Amino acid sequence: MSNQRPTLHKRIALLELLQKHIRRRDMTELMDSIVKLLSYNYYTDNQVITMFNYLIQEGNAQKPMEFITEIAKQSEKHEGALMTIAQQIEEIGIKKGIQQGIQQGIQQGKAEGRQEGIQIGEQKGVQKGKIEAQFEIAKQMLITGMDRQSVMKFTGLTDAEMSNLFKD
């Protein structure tokens, strides 16, 4: 039992270090200690992956990808496991970037669509106003006695439009 206790302590040393300093502003200050503990080869790849996932989720590493990649370079035995974590971080970053891009695209599309709708609405309103003005002018011309052909010529109204003038 006495021989097992020091080995157990050595095996949890990395976890203790991470838990003790998990809220540290700059996790890179711990890099040498982490690399040293990993060099003792007390940990399985699964344990390393679990501890580094904890570090990423709860820690304050400003650039977790670079942090883990650097530790991986210095830790030959666990380089593969650590690079797997780094790849997962990269994939998460890519997915988040795509999601943000989609959301920005949707928002920009909505804004442009609204603006285009306003412009089209204004144009249609102006056109409708012009047509209504033409009809009103044509009515007044006919009421004052101007002949139908002259009214059509001056207002640009068609024969069918002229026929509808007094149907209200």
C-alpha atoms as a PDB file:
ATOM      1  CA  MET A   1       0.000   0.000   0.000  1.00  0.00           C
ATOM      2  CA  SER A   2       2.844   2.417   0.741  1.00  0.00           C
ATOM      3  CA  ASN A   3       4.256   1.980  -2.798  1.00  0.00           C
ATOM      4  CA  GLN A   4       0.859   2.585  -4.354  1.00  0.00           C
ATOM      5  CA  ARG A   5       0.288   5.930  -2.629  1.00  0.00           C
ATOM      6  CA  PRO A   6       3.193   7.852  -4.271  1.00  0.00           C
ATOM      7  CA  THR A   7       2.173   6.506  -7.700  1.00  0.00           C
ATOM      8  CA  LEU A   8      -1.416   7.598  -7.125  1.00  0.00           C
ATOM      9  CA  HIS A   9      -0.234  11.058  -6.115  1.00  0.00           C
ATOM     10  CA  LYS A  10       1.922  11.268  -9.226  1.00  0.00           C
ATOM     11  CA  ARG A  11      -1.030  10.219 -11.368  1.00  0.00           C
ATOM     12  CA  ILE A  12      -3.293  12.974 -10.035  1.00  0.00           C
ATOM     13  CA  ALA A  13      -0.601  15.657 -10.009  1.00  0.00           C
ATOM     14  CA  LEU A  14      -1.649  17.007 -13.435  1.00  0.00           C
ATOM     15  CA  LEU A  15      -5.308  17.126 -12.414  1.00  0.00           C
ATOM     16  CA  GLU A  16      -4.385  18.925  -9.178  1.00  0.00           C
ATOM     17  CA  LEU A  17      -2.289  21.434 -11.117  1.00  0.00           C
ATOM     18  CA  LEU A  18      -5.111  22.113 -13.590  1.00  0.00           C
ATOM     19  CA  GLN A  19      -7.752  22.440 -10.882  1.00  0.00           C
ATOM     20  CA  LYS A  20      -5.595  24.726  -8.770  1.00  0.00           C
ATOM     21  CA  HIS A  21      -4.858  27.114 -11.661  1.00  0.00           C
ATOM     22  CA  ILE A  22      -7.914  26.691 -13.891  1.00  0.00           C
ATOM     23  CA  ARG A  23      -9.006  30.333 -13.487  1.00  0.00           C
ATOM     24  CA  ARG A  24      -5.538  31.763 -14.111  1.00  0.00           C
ATOM     25  CA  ARG A  25      -5.555  34.531 -16.702  1.00  0.00           C
ATOM     26  CA  ASP A  26      -2.635  33.138 -18.636  1.00  0.00           C
ATOM     27  CA  MET A  27      -2.513  29.359 -18.725  1.00  0.00           C
ATOM     28  CA  THR A  28       0.702  29.450 -20.773  1.00  0.00           C
ATOM     29  CA  GLU A  29       2.586  30.089 -17.524  1.00  0.00           C
ATOM     30  CA  LEU A  30       1.766  26.483 -16.604  1.00  0.00           C
ATOM     31  CA  MET A  31       3.078  25.018 -19.860  1.00  0.00           C
ATOM     32  CA  ASP A  32       6.455  23.885 -18.481  1.00  0.00           C
ATOM     33  CA  SER A  33       4.835  22.240 -15.455  1.00  0.00           C
ATOM     34  CA  ILE A  34       2.266  20.465 -17.626  1.00  0.00           C
ATOM     35  CA  VAL A  35       4.912  19.221 -20.074  1.00  0.00           C
ATOM     36  CA  LYS A  36       7.066  18.000 -17.161  1.00  0.00           C
ATOM     37  CA  LEU A  37       4.171  16.062 -15.618  1.00  0.00           C
ATOM     38  CA  LEU A  38       3.269  14.545 -18.992  1.00  0.00           C
ATOM     39  CA  SER A  39       6.878  13.442 -19.483  1.00  0.00           C
ATOM     40  CA  TYR A  40       6.623  11.089 -16.481  1.00  0.00           C
ATOM     41  CA  ASN A  41       4.285   8.901 -18.560  1.00  0.00           C
ATOM     42  CA  TYR A  42       1.833   8.315 -15.707  1.00  0.00           C
ATOM     43  CA  TYR A  43      -1.204   9.090 -17.851  1.00  0.00           C
ATOM     44  CA  THR A  44      -3.116   7.260 -20.546  1.00  0.00           C
ATOM     45  CA  ASP A  45      -4.192   9.138 -23.661  1.00  0.00           C
ATOM     46  CA  ASN A  46      -7.800   9.011 -22.437  1.00  0.00           C
ATOM     47  CA  GLN A  47      -6.829  10.634 -19.143  1.00  0.00           C
ATOM     48  CA  VAL A  48      -4.874  13.339 -20.981  1.00  0.00           C
ATOM     49  CA  ILE A  49      -7.799  13.980 -23.325  1.00  0.00           C
ATOM     50  CA  THR A  50     -10.199  14.215 -20.367  1.00  0.00           C
ATOM     51  CA  MET A  51      -7.957  16.639 -18.474  1.00  0.00           C
ATOM     52  CA  PHE A  52      -7.381  18.859 -21.489  1.00  0.00           C
ATOM     53  CA  ASN A  53     -11.071  18.913 -22.346  1.00  0.00           C
ATOM     54  CA  TYR A  54     -11.613  20.116 -18.779  1.00  0.00           C
ATOM     55  CA  LEU A  55      -8.911  22.736 -19.249  1.00  0.00           C
ATOM     56  CA  ILE A  56     -10.514  23.993 -22.483  1.00  0.00           C
ATOM     57  CA  GLN A  57     -14.043  24.102 -21.101  1.00  0.00           C
ATOM     58  CA  GLU A  58     -13.276  25.622 -17.715  1.00  0.00           C
ATOM     59  CA  GLY A  59      -9.958  27.377 -18.200  1.00  0.00           C
ATOM     60  CA  ASN A  60      -8.943  30.795 -19.416  1.00  0.00           C
ATOM     61  CA  ALA A  61      -6.434  29.905 -22.085  1.00  0.00           C
ATOM     62  CA  GLN A  62      -6.587  32.845 -24.461  1.00  0.00           C
ATOM     63  CA  LYS A  63      -5.553  30.762 -27.454  1.00  0.00           C
ATOM     64  CA  PRO A  64      -6.395  27.158 -26.524  1.00  0.00           C
ATOM     65  CA  MET A  65      -5.471  25.793 -29.961  1.00  0.00           C
ATOM     66  CA  GLU A  66      -1.954  27.229 -29.818  1.00  0.00           C
ATOM     67  CA  PHE A  67      -1.570  26.271 -26.156  1.00  0.00           C
ATOM     68  CA  ILE A  68      -2.430  22.611 -26.744  1.00  0.00           C
ATOM     69  CA  THR A  69      -0.433  22.432 -29.978  1.00  0.00           C
ATOM     70  CA  GLU A  70       2.661  23.707 -28.189  1.00  0.00           C
ATOM     71  CA  ILE A  71       2.241  21.185 -25.360  1.00  0.00           C
ATOM     72  CA  ALA A  72       1.730  18.447 -27.977  1.00  0.00           C
ATOM     73  CA  LYS A  73       5.026  19.376 -29.662  1.00  0.00           C
ATOM     74  CA  GLN A  74       6.837  19.035 -26.345  1.00  0.00           C
ATOM     75  CA  SER A  75       5.094  15.831 -25.239  1.00  0.00           C
ATOM     76  CA  GLU A  76       6.015  12.997 -27.559  1.00  0.00           C
ATOM     77  CA  LYS A  77       4.008  10.276 -25.821  1.00  0.00           C
ATOM     78  CA  HIS A  78       0.723  12.226 -25.838  1.00  0.00           C
ATOM     79  CA  GLU A  79       1.262  14.231 -29.020  1.00  0.00           C
ATOM     80  CA  GLY A  80      -1.383  12.249 -30.936  1.00  0.00           C
ATOM     81  CA  ALA A  81      -4.038  12.648 -28.238  1.00  0.00           C
ATOM     82  CA  LEU A  82      -3.325  16.347 -27.833  1.00  0.00           C
ATOM     83  CA  MET A  83      -3.383  16.945 -31.579  1.00  0.00           C
ATOM     84  CA  THR A  84      -6.775  15.211 -31.682  1.00  0.00           C
ATOM     85  CA  ILE A  85      -8.034  17.765 -29.150  1.00  0.00           C
ATOM     86  CA  ALA A  86      -6.485  20.593 -31.179  1.00  0.00           C
ATOM     87  CA  GLN A  87      -8.278  19.319 -34.295  1.00  0.00           C
ATOM     88  CA  GLN A  88     -11.564  19.169 -32.397  1.00  0.00           C
ATOM     89  CA  ILE A  89     -11.077  22.767 -31.256  1.00  0.00           C
ATOM     90  CA  GLU A  90     -10.377  23.781 -34.834  1.00  0.00           C
ATOM     91  CA  GLU A  91     -13.512  22.000 -36.079  1.00  0.00           C
ATOM     92  CA  ILE A  92     -15.615  23.687 -33.380  1.00  0.00           C
ATOM     93  CA  GLY A  93     -14.149  27.039 -34.414  1.00  0.00           C
ATOM     94  CA  ILE A  94     -14.934  26.368 -38.063  1.00  0.00           C
ATOM     95  CA  LYS A  95     -18.518  25.382 -37.229  1.00  0.00           C
ATOM     96  CA  LYS A  96     -18.986  28.501 -35.096  1.00  0.00           C
ATOM     97  CA  GLY A  97     -17.532  30.627 -37.880  1.00  0.00           C
ATOM     98  CA  ILE A  98     -19.897  29.104 -40.417  1.00  0.00           C
ATOM     99  CA  GLN A  99     -22.877  29.661 -38.101  1.00  0.00           C
ATOM    100  CA  GLN A 100     -21.891  33.279 -37.523  1.00  0.00           C
ATOM    101  CA  GLY A 101     -21.442  33.765 -41.255  1.00  0.00           C
ATOM    102  CA  ILE A 102     -24.873  32.312 -41.950  1.00  0.00           C
ATOM    103  CA  GLN A 103     -26.493  34.513 -39.305  1.00  0.00           C
ATOM    104  CA  GLN A 104     -24.755  37.622 -40.629  1.00  0.00           C
ATOM    105  CA  GLY A 105     -25.797  36.689 -44.163  1.00  0.00           C
ATOM    106  CA  ILE A 106     -29.418  36.255 -43.086  1.00  0.00           C
ATOM    107  CA  GLN A 107     -29.421  39.579 -41.246  1.00  0.00           C
ATOM    108  CA  GLN A 108     -27.796  41.376 -44.161  1.00  0.00           C
ATOM    109  CA  GLY A 109     -30.223  39.731 -46.596  1.00  0.00           C
ATOM    110  CA  LYS A 110     -33.201  40.806 -44.498  1.00  0.00           C
ATOM    111  CA  ALA A 111     -31.914  44.377 -44.282  1.00  0.00           C
ATOM    112  CA  GLU A 112     -31.296  44.531 -48.030  1.00  0.00           C
ATOM    113  CA  GLY A 113     -34.697  42.960 -48.706  1.00  0.00           C
ATOM    114  CA  ARG A 114     -36.432  45.533 -46.513  1.00  0.00           C
ATOM    115  CA  GLN A 115     -34.613  48.363 -48.262  1.00  0.00           C
ATOM    116  CA  GLU A 116     -35.467  46.985 -51.696  1.00  0.00           C
ATOM    117  CA  GLY A 117     -39.106  46.530 -50.641  1.00  0.00           C
ATOM    118  CA  ILE A 118     -39.276  50.138 -49.478  1.00  0.00           C
ATOM    119  CA  GLN A 119     -37.811  51.354 -52.767  1.00  0.00           C
ATOM    120  CA  ILE A 120     -40.187  49.240 -54.846  1.00  0.00           C
ATOM    121  CA  GLY A 121     -43.130  50.391 -52.715  1.00  0.00           C
ATOM    122  CA  GLU A 122     -42.130  54.004 -53.179  1.00  0.00           C
ATOM    123  CA  GLN A 123     -41.770  53.539 -56.938  1.00  0.00           C
ATOM    124  CA  LYS A 124     -45.156  51.852 -57.205  1.00  0.00           C
ATOM    125  CA  GLY A 125     -46.691  54.592 -55.087  1.00  0.00           C
ATOM    126  CA  VAL A 126     -45.233  57.256 -57.360  1.00  0.00           C
ATOM    127  CA  GLN A 127     -46.420  55.396 -60.479  1.00  0.00           C
ATOM    128  CA  LYS A 128     -49.881  54.931 -59.029  1.00  0.00           C
ATOM    129  CA  GLY A 129     -49.968  58.597 -58.118  1.00  0.00           C
ATOM    130  CA  LYS A 130     -48.964  59.570 -61.661  1.00  0.00           C
ATOM    131  CA  ILE A 131     -51.657  57.377 -63.192  1.00  0.00           C
ATOM    132  CA  GLU A 132     -54.286  58.755 -60.803  1.00  0.00           C
ATOM    133  CA  ALA A 133     -53.147  62.265 -61.693  1.00  0.00           C
ATOM    134  CA  GLN A 134     -53.412  61.451 -65.415  1.00  0.00           C
ATOM    135  CA  PHE A 135     -56.943  60.144 -64.919  1.00  0.00           C
ATOM    136  CA  GLU A 136     -57.961  63.228 -62.942  1.00  0.00           C
ATOM    137  CA  ILE A 137     -56.474  65.564 -65.566  1.00  0.00           C
ATOM    138  CA  ALA A 138     -58.203  63.623 -68.371  1.00  0.00           C
ATOM    139  CA  LYS A 139     -61.557  63.855 -66.538  1.00  0.00           C
ATOM    140  CA  GLN A 140     -61.164  67.602 -66.110  1.00  0.00           C
ATOM    141  CA  MET A 141     -60.217  68.032 -69.779  1.00  0.00           C
ATOM    142  CA  LEU A 142     -63.274  66.063 -70.919  1.00  0.00           C
ATOM    143  CA  ILE A 143     -65.577  67.941 -68.505  1.00  0.00           C
ATOM    144  CA  THR A 144     -64.350  71.270 -69.907  1.00  0.00           C
ATOM    145  CA  GLY A 145     -65.217  70.090 -73.398  1.00  0.00           C
ATOM    146  CA  MET A 146     -61.907  68.966 -74.890  1.00  0.00           C
ATOM    147  CA  ASP A 147     -62.288  66.223 -77.488  1.00  0.00           C
ATOM    148  CA  ARG A 148     -61.406  62.628 -76.618  1.00  0.00           C
ATOM    149  CA  GLN A 149     -58.515  62.321 -79.126  1.00  0.00           C
ATOM    150  CA  SER A 150     -56.779  65.455 -77.789  1.00  0.00           C
ATOM    151  CA  VAL A 151     -57.161  64.247 -74.171  1.00  0.00           C
ATOM    152  CA  MET A 152     -55.632  60.875 -75.124  1.00  0.00           C
ATOM    153  CA  LYS A 153     -52.780  62.668 -76.900  1.00  0.00           C
ATOM    154  CA  PHE A 154     -51.965  65.004 -73.974  1.00  0.00           C
ATOM    155  CA  THR A 155     -52.376  62.476 -71.123  1.00  0.00           C
ATOM    156  CA  GLY A 156     -50.997  59.359 -72.830  1.00  0.00           C
ATOM    157  CA  LEU A 157     -54.060  57.334 -71.788  1.00  0.00           C
ATOM    158  CA  THR A 158     -55.284  54.522 -74.003  1.00  0.00           C
ATOM    159  CA  ASP A 159     -58.779  54.207 -75.432  1.00  0.00           C
ATOM    160  CA  ALA A 160     -59.600  51.478 -72.846  1.00  0.00           C
ATOM    161  CA  GLU A 161     -58.381  53.657 -69.978  1.00  0.00           C
ATOM    162  CA  MET A 162     -60.441  56.555 -71.298  1.00  0.00           C
ATOM    163  CA  SER A 163     -63.537  54.307 -71.350  1.00  0.00           C
ATOM    164  CA  ASN A 164     -63.060  53.594 -67.606  1.00  0.00           C
ATOM    165  CA  LEU A 165     -62.729  57.253 -66.554  1.00  0.00           C
ATOM    166  CA  PHE A 166     -66.347  57.839 -65.534  1.00  0.00           C
ATOM    167  CA  LYS A 167     -67.226  54.311 -64.362  1.00  0.00           C
ATOM    168  CA  ASP A 168     -66.711  55.184 -60.659  1.00  0.00           C
END
